[in-house]
C-alpha atoms as a PDB file:
ATOM      1  CA  MET A   1      52.383  99.795 100.662  1.00  0.00           C
ATOM      2  CA  ALA A   2      52.989  96.780  98.120  1.00  0.00           C
ATOM      3  CA  GLY A   3      54.712  99.164  95.483  1.00  0.00           C
ATOM      4  CA  LYS A   4      56.921 100.533  98.165  1.00  0.00           C
ATOM      5  CA  ALA A   5      58.076  97.068  99.416  1.00  0.00           C
ATOM      6  CA  ASP A   6      58.714  96.123  95.654  1.00  0.00           C
ATOM      7  CA  LYS A   7      60.702  99.013  95.088  1.00  0.00           C
ATOM      8  CA  ALA A   8      62.600  98.498  98.301  1.00  0.00           C
ATOM      9  CA  ALA A   9      63.335  95.039  97.326  1.00  0.00           C
ATOM     10  CA  ALA A  10      64.319  95.757  93.794  1.00  0.00           C
ATOM     11  CA  VAL A  11      66.840  98.584  95.286  1.00  0.00           C
ATOM     12  CA  MET A  12      68.303  95.795  97.707  1.00  0.00           C
ATOM     13  CA  LYS A  13      68.638  93.523  94.923  1.00  0.00           C
ATOM     14  CA  ASP A  14      70.206  96.059  92.904  1.00  0.00           C
ATOM     15  CA  GLY A  15      72.547  96.946  95.540  1.00  0.00           C
ATOM     16  CA  GLY A  16      73.606  93.404  96.182  1.00  0.00           C
ATOM     17  CA  GLN A  17      74.615  92.988  92.596  1.00  0.00           C
ATOM     18  CA  LYS A  18      76.725  95.871  92.651  1.00  0.00           C
ATOM     19  CA  ALA A  19      78.507  94.856  95.720  1.00  0.00           C
ATOM     20  CA  LYS A  20      79.033  91.484  94.109  1.00  0.00           C
ATOM     21  CA  ASP A  21      80.548  92.964  91.151  1.00  0.00           C
ATOM     22  CA  ALA A  22      82.728  95.477  93.012  1.00  0.00           C
ATOM     23  CA  ALA A  23      84.099  92.495  95.165  1.00  0.00           C
ATOM     24  CA  ALA A  24      84.837  90.546  92.039  1.00  0.00           C
ATOM     25  CA  LYS A  25      86.888  93.396  90.409  1.00  0.00           C
ATOM     26  CA  LEU A  26      88.659  93.831  93.849  1.00  0.00           C
ATOM     27  CA  TYR A  27      89.592  90.039  93.960  1.00  0.00           C
ATOM     28  CA  ALA A  28      90.848  90.122  90.183  1.00  0.00           C
ATOM     29  CA  LEU A  29      93.080  93.221  91.158  1.00  0.00           C
ATOM     30  CA  ALA A  30      94.386  91.497  94.347  1.00  0.00           C
ATOM     31  CA  GLN A  31      95.197  88.410  92.190  1.00  0.00           C
ATOM     32  CA  ASP A  32      97.168  90.529  89.688  1.00  0.00           C
ATOM     33  CA  PRO A  33     100.922  89.823  90.076  1.00  0.00           C
ATOM     34  CA  GLU A  34     101.733  93.336  89.143  1.00  0.00           C
ATOM     35  CA  MET A  35      99.602  94.608  91.794  1.00  0.00           C
ATOM     36  CA  GLN A  36     100.932  92.266  94.323  1.00  0.00           C
ATOM     37  CA  ALA A  37     104.231  93.572  93.479  1.00  0.00           C
ATOM     38  CA  LYS A  38     103.497  97.080  93.948  1.00  0.00           C
ATOM     39  CA  ALA A  39     101.834  96.251  97.295  1.00  0.00           C
ATOM     40  CA  GLY A  40     104.806  94.528  98.277  1.00  0.00           C
ATOM     41  CA  LYS A  41     106.944  97.352  97.307  1.00  0.00           C
ATOM     42  CA  LEU A  42     104.860  99.828  99.100  1.00  0.00           C
ATOM     43  CA  LEU A  43     104.853  97.528 102.202  1.00  0.00           C
ATOM     44  CA  GLU A  44     108.705  97.362 102.280  1.00  0.00           C
ATOM     45  CA  ASP A  45     108.746 101.112 101.990  1.00  0.00           C
ATOM     46  CA  GLY A  46     106.486 101.671 104.891  1.00  0.00           C
ATOM     47  CA  LYS A  47     108.588  99.428 106.826  1.00  0.00           C
ATOM     48  CA  LYS A  48     111.615 101.524 106.144  1.00  0.00           C
ATOM     49  CA  LEU A  49     109.966 104.515 106.926  1.00  0.00           C
ATOM     50  CA  TYR A  50     108.769 103.278 110.323  1.00  0.00           C
ATOM     51  CA  ARG A  51     112.067 101.929 111.177  1.00  0.00           C
ATOM     52  CA  ALA A  52     113.708 105.233 110.474  1.00  0.00           C
ATOM     53  CA  ALA A  53     110.976 107.286 112.382  1.00  0.00           C
ATOM     54  CA  THR A  54     111.376 105.196 115.522  1.00  0.00           C
ATOM     55  CA  SER A  55     114.985 104.778 115.504  1.00  0.00           C
ATOM     56  CA  PRO A  56     116.792 106.312 118.637  1.00  0.00           C
ATOM     57  CA  GLU A  57     118.532 108.944 116.461  1.00  0.00           C
ATOM     58  CA  ALA A  58     115.153 110.128 115.114  1.00  0.00           C
ATOM     59  CA  LYS A  59     113.940 110.087 118.949  1.00  0.00           C
ATOM     60  CA  GLU A  60     116.918 112.280 119.785  1.00  0.00           C
ATOM     61  CA  ALA A  61     116.200 114.686 116.797  1.00  0.00           C
ATOM     62  CA  TYR A  62     112.673 115.095 118.130  1.00  0.00           C
ATOM     63  CA  ARG A  63     113.551 115.844 121.472  1.00  0.00           C
ATOM     64  CA  LYS A  64     116.061 118.412 120.085  1.00  0.00           C
ATOM     65  CA  ALA A  65     113.514 119.885 118.094  1.00  0.00           C
ATOM     66  CA  ALA A  66     111.055 119.944 120.897  1.00  0.00           C
ATOM     67  CA  GLU A  67     113.588 121.838 123.231  1.00  0.00           C
ATOM     68  CA  VAL A  68     114.049 124.570 120.662  1.00  0.00           C
ATOM     69  CA  ILE A  69     110.458 125.051 119.936  1.00  0.00           C
ATOM     70  CA  HIS A  70     110.152 125.223 123.845  1.00  0.00           C
ATOM     71  CA  LYS A  71     112.917 127.865 124.307  1.00  0.00           C
ATOM     72  CA  MET A  72     111.495 130.030 121.195  1.00  0.00           C
ATOM     73  CA  ARG A  73     108.175 130.119 122.878  1.00  0.00           C
ATOM     74  CA  LYS A  74     109.530 131.337 125.979  1.00  0.00           C
ATOM     75  CA  THR A  75     110.915 134.245 124.435  1.00  0.00           C
END
């Protein structure tokens, strides 16, 4: 049993070190100004897409498309 416990402890310790290394890499990426700029651009693009998809014009287009689909299914 002692051998298994030692192996389990070693695996946990190794896993902890890998998690720390991954967190350090992620933190370094998050601090990179170039990555921050890319993330900011993606955020702005996402906001624009959300506004376009939830606009009154888009909702009207969805309603019209649903009506057409409903009519086509009836025939």
